[in-house]
Protein backbone atom coordinates (compact mmCIF):
# COMPACT_ATOMS: atom_id res chain seq x y z
CA UNK A 1 47.54 0.70 -43.89
CA UNK A 2 50.95 1.44 -45.46
CA UNK A 3 49.50 0.03 -48.52
CA UNK A 4 46.96 1.92 -48.52
CA UNK A 5 48.08 5.31 -47.29
CA UNK A 6 51.89 5.82 -48.48
CA UNK A 7 52.85 5.61 -52.44
CA UNK A 8 54.90 2.58 -53.15
CA UNK A 9 58.51 4.06 -53.88
CA UNK A 10 57.97 5.46 -50.60
CA UNK A 11 57.25 2.13 -48.33
CA UNK A 12 60.86 1.61 -47.66
CA UNK A 13 61.26 4.75 -45.45
CA UNK A 14 57.81 4.31 -43.81
CA UNK A 15 58.58 0.68 -43.05
CA UNK A 16 62.45 2.23 -41.51
CA UNK A 17 60.61 4.88 -39.56
CA UNK A 18 58.24 3.14 -38.18
CA UNK A 19 61.19 0.04 -36.81
CA UNK A 20 63.01 2.88 -35.79
CA UNK A 21 60.57 4.25 -33.56
CA UNK A 22 59.00 0.79 -32.31
CA UNK A 23 62.47 -0.27 -31.31
CA UNK A 24 63.93 2.96 -29.93
CA UNK A 25 60.25 3.08 -27.98
CA UNK A 26 60.48 0.31 -26.49
CA UNK A 27 63.39 0.67 -23.78
CA UNK A 28 61.35 3.52 -22.53
CA UNK A 29 58.29 1.73 -22.02
CA UNK A 30 60.30 -1.05 -20.27
CA UNK A 31 61.83 1.62 -18.04
CA UNK A 32 58.39 3.08 -17.04
CA UNK A 33 56.28 0.25 -16.07
CA UNK A 34 59.49 -0.99 -14.37
CA UNK A 35 59.47 2.09 -12.48
CA UNK A 36 55.88 1.75 -12.12
CA UNK A 37 55.97 -1.65 -10.97
CA UNK A 38 58.60 -0.76 -8.00
CA UNK A 39 56.60 1.77 -6.95
CA UNK A 40 53.05 0.36 -7.32
CA UNK A 41 54.26 -3.42 -7.38
CA UNK A 42 54.22 -5.14 -9.95
CA UNK A 43 50.47 -6.81 -9.99
CA UNK A 44 49.27 -2.93 -10.15
CA UNK A 45 51.46 -2.26 -12.86
CA UNK A 46 50.20 -5.31 -14.96
CA UNK A 47 46.31 -4.36 -14.30
CA UNK A 48 47.49 -0.49 -15.34
CA UNK A 49 48.57 -2.15 -18.19
CA UNK A 50 45.86 -4.47 -18.90
CA UNK A 51 42.93 -0.96 -18.07
CA UNK A 52 45.26 1.08 -20.68
CA UNK A 53 45.30 -1.68 -23.68
CA UNK A 54 41.30 -2.19 -23.42
CA UNK A 55 41.13 1.85 -23.39
CA UNK A 56 43.47 1.18 -26.60
CA UNK A 57 40.91 -1.35 -28.09
CA UNK A 58 37.78 0.75 -27.23
CA UNK A 59 38.90 3.96 -29.22
CA UNK A 60 40.67 1.70 -31.63
CA UNK A 61 37.39 -0.12 -32.30
CA UNK A 62 35.27 3.07 -32.74
CA UNK A 63 37.44 4.27 -35.44
CA UNK A 64 36.45 0.76 -37.47
CA UNK A 65 33.83 2.79 -39.49
CA UNK A 66 35.89 4.95 -40.52
CA UNK A 67 39.12 3.19 -41.63
CA UNK A 68 36.60 0.64 -43.13
CA UNK A 69 35.32 3.73 -45.51
CA UNK A 70 38.71 4.65 -46.64
CA UNK A 71 39.98 0.64 -46.96
CA UNK A 72 36.90 -0.17 -48.55
CA UNK A 73 37.28 1.64 -52.52
CA UNK A 74 40.80 0.04 -52.44
CA UNK A 75 39.91 -3.33 -51.89
C-alpha cells in the first residue's frame, strides 16, 4: 500500500508514522488482553482474540476486490 498511495519522497515519513503507531499501540493491546485474561480467563481471552482475527480477515477479504481495482493499473 505504501508503494501505491504515497509519493516517493514521502515514504520515509509514512514508514516512521507506521512504526511509531505500531510500536506505541502494542503495549496498550498487551495491557488490554492481560486485563481481559485476568477477568475472563486465559482461554477465553485467546478465544476472543482469535474471533477478532477471523472477523478482521473476513472484512479484509470483502475489500479485496476494491483493493485489486486500485492495484492492478499500477502493477
